[in-house]
């Protein structure tokens, strides 16, 4: 009779309660981090578009002012016009930036995103 009982247990498949809790905790963590990461990435993409539009101004103050106008409209808060690096290569204006954003995870742990972009 004991042999029959062990064979029926070995046929059972699926998650245990602890396995389900573990998978649930992982899923919640992924959604929480993803929920905070998506707006940060979208802001970066918007900032890249803003420097592409601002580079046509030609002068350093003009580029910075154009970026600040775009940042006010598109709600870019991580970087400002004064943070842009504006240089010239030949007759082309090149605008670039670097910045980082942090997402607090737990206690002293943070997820850090480092962004950089440059116009062509």
PDB file of N, CA and C in Angstrom:
ATOM      1  N   UNK A   1       0.807  -1.188   0.000  1.00  0.00           N
ATOM      2  CA  UNK A   1       0.000   0.000   0.000  1.00  0.00           C
ATOM      3  C   UNK A   1       0.853   1.257   0.000  1.00  0.00           C
ATOM      4  N   UNK A   2       1.985   1.223   0.667  1.00  0.00           N
ATOM      5  CA  UNK A   2       2.847   2.402   0.665  1.00  0.00           C
ATOM      6  C   UNK A   2       3.426   2.672  -0.710  1.00  0.00           C
ATOM      7  N   UNK A   3       3.658   1.642  -1.469  1.00  0.00           N
ATOM      8  CA  UNK A   3       4.189   1.820  -2.813  1.00  0.00           C
ATOM      9  C   UNK A   3       3.186   2.555  -3.695  1.00  0.00           C
ATOM     10  N   UNK A   4       1.940   2.241  -3.558  1.00  0.00           N
ATOM     11  CA  UNK A   4       0.892   2.896  -4.328  1.00  0.00           C
ATOM     12  C   UNK A   4       0.778   4.368  -3.944  1.00  0.00           C
ATOM     13  N   UNK A   5       0.960   4.691  -2.672  1.00  0.00           N
ATOM     14  CA  UNK A   5       0.869   6.065  -2.197  1.00  0.00           C
ATOM     15  C   UNK A   5       2.020   6.908  -2.744  1.00  0.00           C
ATOM     16  N   UNK A   6       3.235   6.398  -2.789  1.00  0.00           N
ATOM     17  CA  UNK A   6       4.375   7.164  -3.291  1.00  0.00           C
ATOM     18  C   UNK A   6       4.296   7.380  -4.790  1.00  0.00           C
ATOM     19  N   UNK A   7       3.782   6.402  -5.502  1.00  0.00           N
ATOM     20  CA  UNK A   7       3.680   6.591  -6.951  1.00  0.00           C
ATOM     21  C   UNK A   7       2.625   7.625  -7.290  1.00  0.00           C
ATOM     22  N   UNK A   8       1.564   7.714  -6.523  1.00  0.00           N
ATOM     23  CA  UNK A   8       0.543   8.726  -6.807  1.00  0.00           C
ATOM     24  C   UNK A   8       1.072  10.122  -6.485  1.00  0.00           C
ATOM     25  N   UNK A   9       1.924  10.262  -5.487  1.00  0.00           N
ATOM     26  CA  UNK A   9       2.515  11.570  -5.176  1.00  0.00           C
ATOM     27  C   UNK A   9       3.503  12.013  -6.243  1.00  0.00           C
ATOM     28  N   UNK A  10       4.240  11.086  -6.789  1.00  0.00           N
ATOM     29  CA  UNK A  10       5.223  11.465  -7.797  1.00  0.00           C
ATOM     30  C   UNK A  10       4.552  11.920  -9.088  1.00  0.00           C
ATOM     31  N   UNK A  11       3.317  11.569  -9.285  1.00  0.00           N
ATOM     32  CA  UNK A  11       2.603  11.981 -10.484  1.00  0.00           C
ATOM     33  C   UNK A  11       2.025  13.388 -10.363  1.00  0.00           C
ATOM     34  N   UNK A  12       1.929  13.926  -9.162  1.00  0.00           N
ATOM     35  CA  UNK A  12       1.355  15.258  -8.979  1.00  0.00           C
ATOM     36  C   UNK A  12       2.277  16.302  -9.584  1.00  0.00           C
ATOM     37  N   UNK A  13       1.692  17.229 -10.279  1.00  0.00           N
ATOM     38  CA  UNK A  13       2.458  18.296 -10.926  1.00  0.00           C
ATOM     39  C   UNK A  13       1.839  19.633 -10.529  1.00  0.00           C
ATOM     40  N   UNK A  14       2.626  20.688 -10.684  1.00  0.00           N
ATOM     41  CA  UNK A  14       2.115  22.023 -10.396  1.00  0.00           C
ATOM     42  C   UNK A  14       2.971  22.725  -9.361  1.00  0.00           C
ATOM     43  N   UNK A  15       2.551  23.924  -9.002  1.00  0.00           N
ATOM     44  CA  UNK A  15       3.281  24.736  -8.035  1.00  0.00           C
ATOM     45  C   UNK A  15       2.792  24.451  -6.624  1.00  0.00           C
ATOM     46  N   UNK A  16       3.719  24.454  -5.700  1.00  0.00           N
ATOM     47  CA  UNK A  16       3.329  24.393  -4.298  1.00  0.00           C
ATOM     48  C   UNK A  16       2.928  25.806  -3.872  1.00  0.00           C
ATOM     49  N   UNK A  17       2.416  25.939  -2.671  1.00  0.00           N
ATOM     50  CA  UNK A  17       2.028  27.252  -2.173  1.00  0.00           C
ATOM     51  C   UNK A  17       3.236  28.184  -2.115  1.00  0.00           C
ATOM     52  N   UNK A  18       4.358  27.688  -1.630  1.00  0.00           N
ATOM     53  CA  UNK A  18       5.554  28.515  -1.535  1.00  0.00           C
ATOM     54  C   UNK A  18       6.091  28.891  -2.917  1.00  0.00           C
ATOM     55  N   UNK A  19       5.988  27.996  -3.852  1.00  0.00           N
ATOM     56  CA  UNK A  19       6.380  28.297  -5.224  1.00  0.00           C
ATOM     57  C   UNK A  19       5.509  29.389  -5.815  1.00  0.00           C
ATOM     58  N   UNK A  20       4.218  29.320  -5.538  1.00  0.00           N
ATOM     59  CA  UNK A  20       3.288  30.341  -6.017  1.00  0.00           C
ATOM     60  C   UNK A  20       3.587  31.700  -5.386  1.00  0.00           C
ATOM     61  N   UNK A  21       3.877  31.711  -4.092  1.00  0.00           N
ATOM     62  CA  UNK A  21       4.224  32.961  -3.409  1.00  0.00           C
ATOM     63  C   UNK A  21       5.515  33.525  -3.998  1.00  0.00           C
ATOM     64  N   UNK A  22       6.496  32.685  -4.239  1.00  0.00           N
ATOM     65  CA  UNK A  22       7.766  33.135  -4.815  1.00  0.00           C
ATOM     66  C   UNK A  22       7.559  33.753  -6.201  1.00  0.00           C
ATOM     67  N   UNK A  23       6.799  33.081  -7.037  1.00  0.00           N
ATOM     68  CA  UNK A  23       6.514  33.603  -8.377  1.00  0.00           C
ATOM     69  C   UNK A  23       5.744  34.921  -8.269  1.00  0.00           C
ATOM     70  N   UNK A  24       4.828  35.013  -7.329  1.00  0.00           N
ATOM     71  CA  UNK A  24       4.062  36.242  -7.124  1.00  0.00           C
ATOM     72  C   UNK A  24       4.934  37.405  -6.701  1.00  0.00           C
ATOM     73  N   UNK A  25       5.868  37.153  -5.786  1.00  0.00           N
ATOM     74  CA  UNK A  25       6.780  38.203  -5.327  1.00  0.00           C
ATOM     75  C   UNK A  25       7.665  38.686  -6.480  1.00  0.00           C
ATOM     76  N   UNK A  26       8.159  37.766  -7.277  1.00  0.00           N
ATOM     77  CA  UNK A  26       8.985  38.139  -8.439  1.00  0.00           C
ATOM     78  C   UNK A  26       8.170  38.966  -9.429  1.00  0.00           C
ATOM     79  N   UNK A  27       6.930  38.560  -9.692  1.00  0.00           N
ATOM     80  CA  UNK A  27       6.073  39.293 -10.635  1.00  0.00           C
ATOM     81  C   UNK A  27       5.781  40.703 -10.136  1.00  0.00           C
ATOM     82  N   UNK A  28       5.491  40.849  -8.856  1.00  0.00           N
ATOM     83  CA  UNK A  28       5.228  42.177  -8.284  1.00  0.00           C
ATOM     84  C   UNK A  28       6.472  43.050  -8.389  1.00  0.00           C
ATOM     85  N   UNK A  29       7.642  42.490  -8.108  1.00  0.00           N
ATOM     86  CA  UNK A  29       8.887  43.264  -8.198  1.00  0.00           C
ATOM     87  C   UNK A  29       9.148  43.720  -9.628  1.00  0.00           C
ATOM     88  N   UNK A  30       8.927  42.846 -10.595  1.00  0.00           N
ATOM     89  CA  UNK A  30       9.141  43.205 -12.004  1.00  0.00           C
ATOM     90  C   UNK A  30       8.185  44.314 -12.420  1.00  0.00           C
ATOM     91  N   UNK A  31       6.921  44.200 -12.037  1.00  0.00           N
ATOM     92  CA  UNK A  31       5.952  45.239 -12.393  1.00  0.00           C
ATOM     93  C   UNK A  31       6.247  46.551 -11.684  1.00  0.00           C
ATOM     94  N   UNK A  32       6.693  46.505 -10.429  1.00  0.00           N
ATOM     95  CA  UNK A  32       7.002  47.733  -9.698  1.00  0.00           C
ATOM     96  C   UNK A  32       8.191  48.455 -10.317  1.00  0.00           C
ATOM     97  N   UNK A  33       9.240  47.707 -10.632  1.00  0.00           N
ATOM     98  CA  UNK A  33      10.422  48.320 -11.240  1.00  0.00           C
ATOM     99  C   UNK A  33      10.101  48.786 -12.655  1.00  0.00           C
ATOM    100  N   UNK A  34       9.373  47.980 -13.409  1.00  0.00           N
ATOM    101  CA  UNK A  34       8.989  48.369 -14.763  1.00  0.00           C
ATOM    102  C   UNK A  34       8.093  49.589 -14.772  1.00  0.00           C
ATOM    103  N   UNK A  35       7.200  49.678 -13.813  1.00  0.00           N
ATOM    104  CA  UNK A  35       6.310  50.831 -13.718  1.00  0.00           C
ATOM    105  C   UNK A  35       7.043  52.126 -13.457  1.00  0.00           C
ATOM    106  N   UNK A  36       8.160  52.053 -12.770  1.00  0.00           N
ATOM    107  CA  UNK A  36       8.966  53.243 -12.519  1.00  0.00           C
ATOM    108  C   UNK A  36       9.974  53.486 -13.636  1.00  0.00           C
ATOM    109  N   UNK A  37      10.366  52.445 -14.349  1.00  0.00           N
ATOM    110  CA  UNK A  37      11.377  52.567 -15.397  1.00  0.00           C
ATOM    111  C   UNK A  37      10.821  53.129 -16.698  1.00  0.00           C
ATOM    112  N   UNK A  38       9.608  52.797 -17.029  1.00  0.00           N
ATOM    113  CA  UNK A  38       9.028  53.243 -18.301  1.00  0.00           C
ATOM    114  C   UNK A  38       8.972  54.764 -18.403  1.00  0.00           C
ATOM    115  N   UNK A  39       8.478  55.501 -17.401  1.00  0.00           N
ATOM    116  CA  UNK A  39       8.471  56.968 -17.526  1.00  0.00           C
ATOM    117  C   UNK A  39       9.874  57.565 -17.631  1.00  0.00           C
ATOM    118  N   UNK A  40      10.848  56.961 -16.961  1.00  0.00           N
ATOM    119  CA  UNK A  40      12.224  57.456 -17.036  1.00  0.00           C
ATOM    120  C   UNK A  40      12.761  57.276 -18.449  1.00  0.00           C
ATOM    121  N   UNK A  41      12.505  56.136 -19.056  1.00  0.00           N
ATOM    122  CA  UNK A  41      12.956  55.896 -20.426  1.00  0.00           C
ATOM    123  C   UNK A  41      12.234  56.813 -21.413  1.00  0.00           C
ATOM    124  N   UNK A  42      10.939  57.009 -21.232  1.00  0.00           N
ATOM    125  CA  UNK A  42      10.201  57.900 -22.129  1.00  0.00           C
ATOM    126  C   UNK A  42      10.703  59.337 -22.038  1.00  0.00           C
ATOM    127  N   UNK A  43      11.099  59.764 -20.840  1.00  0.00           N
ATOM    128  CA  UNK A  43      11.673  61.103 -20.682  1.00  0.00           C
ATOM    129  C   UNK A  43      12.996  61.211 -21.439  1.00  0.00           C
ATOM    130  N   UNK A  44      13.799  60.168 -21.397  1.00  0.00           N
ATOM    131  CA  UNK A  44      15.066  60.148 -22.137  1.00  0.00           C
ATOM    132  C   UNK A  44      14.822  60.263 -23.642  1.00  0.00           C
ATOM    133  N   UNK A  45      13.866  59.505 -24.152  1.00  0.00           N
ATOM    134  CA  UNK A  45      13.555  59.562 -25.584  1.00  0.00           C
ATOM    135  C   UNK A  45      13.077  60.959 -25.966  1.00  0.00           C
ATOM    136  N   UNK A  46      12.269  61.573 -25.122  1.00  0.00           N
ATOM    137  CA  UNK A  46      11.784  62.927 -25.377  1.00  0.00           C
ATOM    138  C   UNK A  46      12.936  63.930 -25.348  1.00  0.00           C
ATOM    139  N   UNK A  47      13.888  63.755 -24.435  1.00  0.00           N
ATOM    140  CA  UNK A  47      15.049  64.656 -24.364  1.00  0.00           C
ATOM    141  C   UNK A  47      15.916  64.516 -25.613  1.00  0.00           C
ATOM    142  N   UNK A  48      16.053  63.294 -26.127  1.00  0.00           N
ATOM    143  CA  UNK A  48      16.808  63.094 -27.370  1.00  0.00           C
ATOM    144  C   UNK A  48      16.157  63.842 -28.523  1.00  0.00           C
ATOM    145  N   UNK A  49      14.844  63.757 -28.622  1.00  0.00           N
ATOM    146  CA  UNK A  49      14.132  64.472 -29.679  1.00  0.00           C
ATOM    147  C   UNK A  49      14.278  65.978 -29.512  1.00  0.00           C
ATOM    148  N   UNK A  50      14.267  66.434 -28.274  1.00  0.00           N
ATOM    149  CA  UNK A  50      14.374  67.876 -28.004  1.00  0.00           C
ATOM    150  C   UNK A  50      15.740  68.421 -28.410  1.00  0.00           C
ATOM    151  N   UNK A  51      16.822  67.658 -28.197  1.00  0.00           N
ATOM    152  CA  UNK A  51      18.135  68.188 -28.612  1.00  0.00           C
ATOM    153  C   UNK A  51      18.271  68.180 -30.124  1.00  0.00           C
ATOM    154  N   UNK A  52      17.604  67.235 -30.792  1.00  0.00           N
ATOM    155  CA  UNK A  52      17.620  67.228 -32.266  1.00  0.00           C
ATOM    156  C   UNK A  52      16.944  68.482 -32.812  1.00  0.00           C
ATOM    157  N   UNK A  53      15.835  68.866 -32.198  1.00  0.00           N
ATOM    158  CA  UNK A  53      15.118  70.069 -32.630  1.00  0.00           C
ATOM    159  C   UNK A  53      15.871  71.337 -32.244  1.00  0.00           C
ATOM    160  N   UNK A  54      16.530  71.325 -31.085  1.00  0.00           N
ATOM    161  CA  UNK A  54      17.189  72.531 -30.578  1.00  0.00           C
ATOM    162  C   UNK A  54      18.483  72.841 -31.313  1.00  0.00           C
ATOM    163  N   UNK A  55      19.126  71.856 -31.921  1.00  0.00           N
ATOM    164  CA  UNK A  55      20.426  72.086 -32.550  1.00  0.00           C
ATOM    165  C   UNK A  55      20.351  73.029 -33.753  1.00  0.00           C
ATOM    166  N   UNK A  56      19.171  73.198 -34.335  1.00  0.00           N
ATOM    167  CA  UNK A  56      19.045  74.075 -35.501  1.00  0.00           C
ATOM    168  C   UNK A  56      19.168  75.554 -35.133  1.00  0.00           C
ATOM    169  N   UNK A  57      19.128  75.871 -33.845  1.00  0.00           N
ATOM    170  CA  UNK A  57      19.264  77.265 -33.407  1.00  0.00           C
ATOM    171  C   UNK A  57      20.653  77.817 -33.710  1.00  0.00           C
ATOM    172  N   UNK A  58      21.668  76.969 -33.674  1.00  0.00           N
ATOM    173  CA  UNK A  58      23.004  77.370 -34.104  1.00  0.00           C
ATOM    174  C   UNK A  58      23.913  77.932 -33.037  1.00  0.00           C
ATOM    175  N   UNK A  59      23.405  78.716 -32.107  1.00  0.00           N
ATOM    176  CA  UNK A  59      24.251  79.301 -31.062  1.00  0.00           C
ATOM    177  C   UNK A  59      24.016  78.558 -29.753  1.00  0.00           C
ATOM    178  N   UNK A  60      25.000  78.640 -28.855  1.00  0.00           N
ATOM    179  CA  UNK A  60      24.880  77.966 -27.556  1.00  0.00           C
ATOM    180  C   UNK A  60      23.673  78.485 -26.773  1.00  0.00           C
ATOM    181  N   UNK A  61      23.513  79.824 -26.618  1.00  0.00           N
ATOM    182  CA  UNK A  61      22.321  80.283 -25.887  1.00  0.00           C
ATOM    183  C   UNK A  61      21.014  79.917 -26.588  1.00  0.00           C
ATOM    184  N   UNK A  62      21.015  79.939 -27.915  1.00  0.00           N
ATOM    185  CA  UNK A  62      19.813  79.585 -28.662  1.00  0.00           C
ATOM    186  C   UNK A  62      19.437  78.129 -28.487  1.00  0.00           C
ATOM    187  N   UNK A  63      20.425  77.236 -28.528  1.00  0.00           N
ATOM    188  CA  UNK A  63      20.174  75.807 -28.341  1.00  0.00           C
ATOM    189  C   UNK A  63      19.639  75.544 -26.942  1.00  0.00           C
ATOM    190  N   UNK A  64      20.249  76.160 -25.958  1.00  0.00           N
ATOM    191  CA  UNK A  64      19.816  75.943 -24.570  1.00  0.00           C
ATOM    192  C   UNK A  64      18.412  76.485 -24.335  1.00  0.00           C
ATOM    193  N   UNK A  65      18.121  77.647 -24.889  1.00  0.00           N
ATOM    194  CA  UNK A  65      16.783  78.223 -24.732  1.00  0.00           C
ATOM    195  C   UNK A  65      15.737  77.364 -25.440  1.00  0.00           C
ATOM    196  N   UNK A  66      16.060  76.877 -26.640  1.00  0.00           N
ATOM    197  CA  UNK A  66      15.121  76.018 -27.370  1.00  0.00           C
ATOM    198  C   UNK A  66      14.874  74.721 -26.612  1.00  0.00           C
ATOM    199  N   UNK A  67      15.927  74.160 -26.023  1.00  0.00           N
ATOM    200  CA  UNK A  67      15.754  72.931 -25.240  1.00  0.00           C
ATOM    201  C   UNK A  67      14.883  73.199 -24.019  1.00  0.00           C
ATOM    202  N   UNK A  68      15.113  74.312 -23.330  1.00  0.00           N
ATOM    203  CA  UNK A  68      14.307  74.632 -22.144  1.00  0.00           C
ATOM    204  C   UNK A  68      12.832  74.816 -22.503  1.00  0.00           C
ATOM    205  N   UNK A  69      12.545  75.406 -23.650  1.00  0.00           N
ATOM    206  CA  UNK A  69      11.157  75.553 -24.093  1.00  0.00           C
ATOM    207  C   UNK A  69      10.540  74.170 -24.333  1.00  0.00           C
ATOM    208  N   UNK A  70      11.288  73.290 -25.027  1.00  0.00           N
ATOM    209  CA  UNK A  70      10.793  71.932 -25.279  1.00  0.00           C
ATOM    210  C   UNK A  70      10.630  71.157 -23.970  1.00  0.00           C
ATOM    211  N   UNK A  71      11.552  71.364 -23.028  1.00  0.00           N
ATOM    212  CA  UNK A  71      11.476  70.665 -21.743  1.00  0.00           C
ATOM    213  C   UNK A  71      10.249  71.101 -20.949  1.00  0.00           C
ATOM    214  N   UNK A  72       9.904  72.386 -21.037  1.00  0.00           N
ATOM    215  CA  UNK A  72       8.714  72.867 -20.332  1.00  0.00           C
ATOM    216  C   UNK A  72       7.440  72.267 -20.940  1.00  0.00           C
ATOM    217  N   UNK A  73       7.415  72.137 -22.251  1.00  0.00           N
ATOM    218  CA  UNK A  73       6.237  71.595 -22.920  1.00  0.00           C
ATOM    219  C   UNK A  73       6.124  70.088 -22.692  1.00  0.00           C
ATOM    220  N   UNK A  74       7.241  69.377 -22.833  1.00  0.00           N
ATOM    221  CA  UNK A  74       7.233  67.909 -22.763  1.00  0.00           C
ATOM    222  C   UNK A  74       7.495  67.347 -21.371  1.00  0.00           C
ATOM    223  N   UNK A  75       7.601  68.218 -20.370  1.00  0.00           N
ATOM    224  CA  UNK A  75       7.768  67.800 -18.979  1.00  0.00           C
ATOM    225  C   UNK A  75       9.063  67.009 -18.763  1.00  0.00           C
ATOM    226  N   UNK A  76      10.170  67.547 -19.263  1.00  0.00           N
ATOM    227  CA  UNK A  76      11.490  66.955 -19.036  1.00  0.00           C
ATOM    228  C   UNK A  76      12.063  67.601 -17.781  1.00  0.00           C
ATOM    229  N   UNK A  77      12.264  66.826 -16.740  1.00  0.00           N
ATOM    230  CA  UNK A  77      12.730  67.375 -15.467  1.00  0.00           C
ATOM    231  C   UNK A  77      14.146  66.927 -15.095  1.00  0.00           C
ATOM    232  N   UNK A  78      14.674  65.915 -15.747  1.00  0.00           N
ATOM    233  CA  UNK A  78      15.975  65.365 -15.368  1.00  0.00           C
ATOM    234  C   UNK A  78      17.146  66.187 -15.870  1.00  0.00           C
ATOM    235  N   UNK A  79      16.933  66.981 -16.882  1.00  0.00           N
ATOM    236  CA  UNK A  79      18.023  67.729 -17.502  1.00  0.00           C
ATOM    237  C   UNK A  79      17.478  69.075 -17.959  1.00  0.00           C
ATOM    238  N   UNK A  80      18.352  70.085 -17.943  1.00  0.00           N
ATOM    239  CA  UNK A  80      17.975  71.438 -18.363  1.00  0.00           C
ATOM    240  C   UNK A  80      18.919  71.896 -19.461  1.00  0.00           C
ATOM    241  N   UNK A  81      18.589  73.013 -20.047  1.00  0.00           N
ATOM    242  CA  UNK A  81      19.416  73.566 -21.110  1.00  0.00           C
ATOM    243  C   UNK A  81      20.842  73.840 -20.669  1.00  0.00           C
ATOM    244  N   UNK A  82      21.030  74.255 -19.426  1.00  0.00           N
ATOM    245  CA  UNK A  82      22.388  74.548 -18.933  1.00  0.00           C
ATOM    246  C   UNK A  82      23.238  73.282 -18.813  1.00  0.00           C
ATOM    247  N   UNK A  83      22.606  72.109 -18.785  1.00  0.00           N
ATOM    248  CA  UNK A  83      23.329  70.844 -18.675  1.00  0.00           C
ATOM    249  C   UNK A  83      23.805  70.313 -20.025  1.00  0.00           C
ATOM    250  N   UNK A  84      23.356  70.914 -21.109  1.00  0.00           N
ATOM    251  CA  UNK A  84      23.737  70.451 -22.441  1.00  0.00           C
ATOM    252  C   UNK A  84      25.164  70.847 -22.780  1.00  0.00           C
ATOM    253  N   UNK A  85      25.833  69.993 -23.514  1.00  0.00           N
ATOM    254  CA  UNK A  85      27.158  70.316 -24.041  1.00  0.00           C
ATOM    255  C   UNK A  85      26.974  70.624 -25.524  1.00  0.00           C
ATOM    256  N   UNK A  86      27.263  71.861 -25.892  1.00  0.00           N
ATOM    257  CA  UNK A  86      27.073  72.305 -27.271  1.00  0.00           C
ATOM    258  C   UNK A  86      28.451  72.592 -27.861  1.00  0.00           C
ATOM    259  N   UNK A  87      28.802  71.889 -28.942  1.00  0.00           N
ATOM    260  CA  UNK A  87      30.091  72.075 -29.601  1.00  0.00           C
ATOM    261  C   UNK A  87      29.861  72.191 -31.101  1.00  0.00           C
ATOM    262  N   UNK A  88      30.931  72.542 -31.802  1.00  0.00           N
ATOM    263  CA  UNK A  88      30.880  72.605 -33.264  1.00  0.00           C
ATOM    264  C   UNK A  88      31.916  71.664 -33.830  1.00  0.00           C
ATOM    265  N   UNK A  89      31.512  70.897 -34.832  1.00  0.00           N
ATOM    266  CA  UNK A  89      32.433  70.058 -35.599  1.00  0.00           C
ATOM    267  C   UNK A  89      32.341  70.527 -37.035  1.00  0.00           C
ATOM    268  N   UNK A  90      33.352  71.230 -37.451  1.00  0.00           N
ATOM    269  CA  UNK A  90      33.303  71.834 -38.780  1.00  0.00           C
ATOM    270  C   UNK A  90      32.232  72.899 -38.790  1.00  0.00           C
ATOM    271  N   UNK A  91      31.239  72.743 -39.635  1.00  0.00           N
ATOM    272  CA  UNK A  91      30.148  73.713 -39.683  1.00  0.00           C
ATOM    273  C   UNK A  91      28.874  73.185 -39.027  1.00  0.00           C
ATOM    274  N   UNK A  92      28.948  72.002 -38.372  1.00  0.00           N
ATOM    275  CA  UNK A  92      27.778  71.395 -37.738  1.00  0.00           C
ATOM    276  C   UNK A  92      27.782  71.634 -36.230  1.00  0.00           C
ATOM    277  N   UNK A  93      26.619  71.922 -35.684  1.00  0.00           N
ATOM    278  CA  UNK A  93      26.446  72.052 -34.241  1.00  0.00           C
ATOM    279  C   UNK A  93      26.132  70.665 -33.686  1.00  0.00           C
ATOM    280  N   UNK A  94      26.854  70.268 -32.654  1.00  0.00           N
ATOM    281  CA  UNK A  94      26.646  68.971 -32.004  1.00  0.00           C
ATOM    282  C   UNK A  94      26.212  69.231 -30.566  1.00  0.00           C
ATOM    283  N   UNK A  95      25.062  68.661 -30.208  1.00  0.00           N
ATOM    284  CA  UNK A  95      24.507  68.828 -28.861  1.00  0.00           C
ATOM    285  C   UNK A  95      24.499  67.457 -28.193  1.00  0.00           C
ATOM    286  N   UNK A  96      24.965  67.400 -26.945  1.00  0.00           N
ATOM    287  CA  UNK A  96      24.974  66.129 -26.220  1.00  0.00           C
ATOM    288  C   UNK A  96      24.632  66.366 -24.755  1.00  0.00           C
ATOM    289  N   UNK A  97      24.257  65.282 -24.100  1.00  0.00           N
ATOM    290  CA  UNK A  97      24.000  65.331 -22.663  1.00  0.00           C
ATOM    291  C   UNK A  97      24.292  63.981 -22.040  1.00  0.00           C
ATOM    292  N   UNK A  98      24.513  64.016 -20.723  1.00  0.00           N
ATOM    293  CA  UNK A  98      24.679  62.821 -19.897  1.00  0.00           C
ATOM    294  C   UNK A  98      23.983  63.102 -18.576  1.00  0.00           C
ATOM    295  N   UNK A  99      23.246  62.132 -18.095  1.00  0.00           N
ATOM    296  CA  UNK A  99      22.661  62.244 -16.767  1.00  0.00           C
ATOM    297  C   UNK A  99      22.298  60.858 -16.259  1.00  0.00           C
ATOM    298  N   UNK A 100      21.991  60.766 -14.977  1.00  0.00           N
ATOM    299  CA  UNK A 100      21.586  59.488 -14.400  1.00  0.00           C
ATOM    300  C   UNK A 100      20.342  59.686 -13.547  1.00  0.00           C
ATOM    301  N   UNK A 101      19.583  58.630 -13.438  1.00  0.00           N
ATOM    302  CA  UNK A 101      18.380  58.601 -12.597  1.00  0.00           C
ATOM    303  C   UNK A 101      18.428  57.358 -11.732  1.00  0.00           C
ATOM    304  N   UNK A 102      17.914  57.456 -10.519  1.00  0.00           N
ATOM    305  CA  UNK A 102      17.914  56.343  -9.577  1.00  0.00           C
ATOM    306  C   UNK A 102      16.491  55.945  -9.210  1.00  0.00           C
ATOM    307  N   UNK A 103      16.293  54.650  -9.041  1.00  0.00           N
ATOM    308  CA  UNK A 103      15.042  54.123  -8.517  1.00  0.00           C
ATOM    309  C   UNK A 103      15.382  53.405  -7.216  1.00  0.00           C
ATOM    310  N   UNK A 104      14.849  53.864  -6.076  1.00  0.00           N
ATOM    311  CA  UNK A 104      15.130  53.162  -4.825  1.00  0.00           C
ATOM    312  C   UNK A 104      14.439  51.793  -4.810  1.00  0.00           C
ATOM    313  N   UNK A 105      15.193  50.770  -4.466  1.00  0.00           N
ATOM    314  CA  UNK A 105      14.632  49.415  -4.425  1.00  0.00           C
ATOM    315  C   UNK A 105      14.235  49.041  -3.012  1.00  0.00           C
ATOM    316  N   UNK A 106      15.232  48.816  -2.154  1.00  0.00           N
ATOM    317  CA  UNK A 106      14.964  48.466  -0.762  1.00  0.00           C
ATOM    318  C   UNK A 106      16.190  48.838   0.061  1.00  0.00           C
ATOM    319  N   UNK A 107      15.981  49.585   1.132  1.00  0.00           N
ATOM    320  CA  UNK A 107      17.101  49.978   1.985  1.00  0.00           C
ATOM    321  C   UNK A 107      18.124  50.771   1.202  1.00  0.00           C
ATOM    322  N   UNK A 108      19.377  50.343   1.230  1.00  0.00           N
ATOM    323  CA  UNK A 108      20.421  51.092   0.528  1.00  0.00           C
ATOM    324  C   UNK A 108      20.572  50.712  -0.949  1.00  0.00           C
ATOM    325  N   UNK A 109      19.707  49.866  -1.471  1.00  0.00           N
ATOM    326  CA  UNK A 109      19.830  49.391  -2.855  1.00  0.00           C
ATOM    327  C   UNK A 109      19.062  50.305  -3.807  1.00  0.00           C
ATOM    328  N   UNK A 110      19.722  50.671  -4.906  1.00  0.00           N
ATOM    329  CA  UNK A 110      19.125  51.513  -5.934  1.00  0.00           C
ATOM    330  C   UNK A 110      19.380  50.889  -7.294  1.00  0.00           C
ATOM    331  N   UNK A 111      18.470  51.144  -8.211  1.00  0.00           N
ATOM    332  CA  UNK A 111      18.674  50.811  -9.612  1.00  0.00           C
ATOM    333  C   UNK A 111      19.018  52.125 -10.302  1.00  0.00           C
ATOM    334  N   UNK A 112      20.191  52.185 -10.925  1.00  0.00           N
ATOM    335  CA  UNK A 112      20.671  53.433 -11.527  1.00  0.00           C
ATOM    336  C   UNK A 112      20.650  53.304 -13.044  1.00  0.00           C
ATOM    337  N   UNK A 113      20.020  54.269 -13.682  1.00  0.00           N
ATOM    338  CA  UNK A 113      20.036  54.380 -15.138  1.00  0.00           C
ATOM    339  C   UNK A 113      20.961  55.523 -15.509  1.00  0.00           C
ATOM    340  N   UNK A 114      21.854  55.275 -16.442  1.00  0.00           N
ATOM    341  CA  UNK A 114      22.749  56.316 -16.947  1.00  0.00           C
ATOM    342  C   UNK A 114      22.425  56.538 -18.416  1.00  0.00           C
ATOM    343  N   UNK A 115      22.047  57.756 -18.738  1.00  0.00           N
ATOM    344  CA  UNK A 115      21.637  58.084 -20.087  1.00  0.00           C
ATOM    345  C   UNK A 115      22.628  59.057 -20.716  1.00  0.00           C
ATOM    346  N   UNK A 116      22.856  58.889 -22.006  1.00  0.00           N
ATOM    347  CA  UNK A 116      23.636  59.855 -22.765  1.00  0.00           C
ATOM    348  C   UNK A 116      23.134  59.836 -24.197  1.00  0.00           C
ATOM    349  N   UNK A 117      23.195  61.012 -24.825  1.00  0.00           N
ATOM    350  CA  UNK A 117      22.753  61.121 -26.207  1.00  0.00           C
ATOM    351  C   UNK A 117      23.538  62.238 -26.875  1.00  0.00           C
ATOM    352  N   UNK A 118      23.598  62.163 -28.195  1.00  0.00           N
ATOM    353  CA  UNK A 118      24.338  63.157 -28.972  1.00  0.00           C
ATOM    354  C   UNK A 118      23.671  63.274 -30.336  1.00  0.00           C
ATOM    355  N   UNK A 119      23.613  64.494 -30.831  1.00  0.00           N
ATOM    356  CA  UNK A 119      23.059  64.699 -32.170  1.00  0.00           C
ATOM    357  C   UNK A 119      24.111  64.361 -33.213  1.00  0.00           C
ATOM    358  N   UNK A 120      23.669  64.144 -34.421  1.00  0.00           N
ATOM    359  CA  UNK A 120      24.605  63.822 -35.520  1.00  0.00           C
ATOM    360  C   UNK A 120      25.057  65.072 -36.220  1.00  0.00           C
TER     361      UNK A 120
END
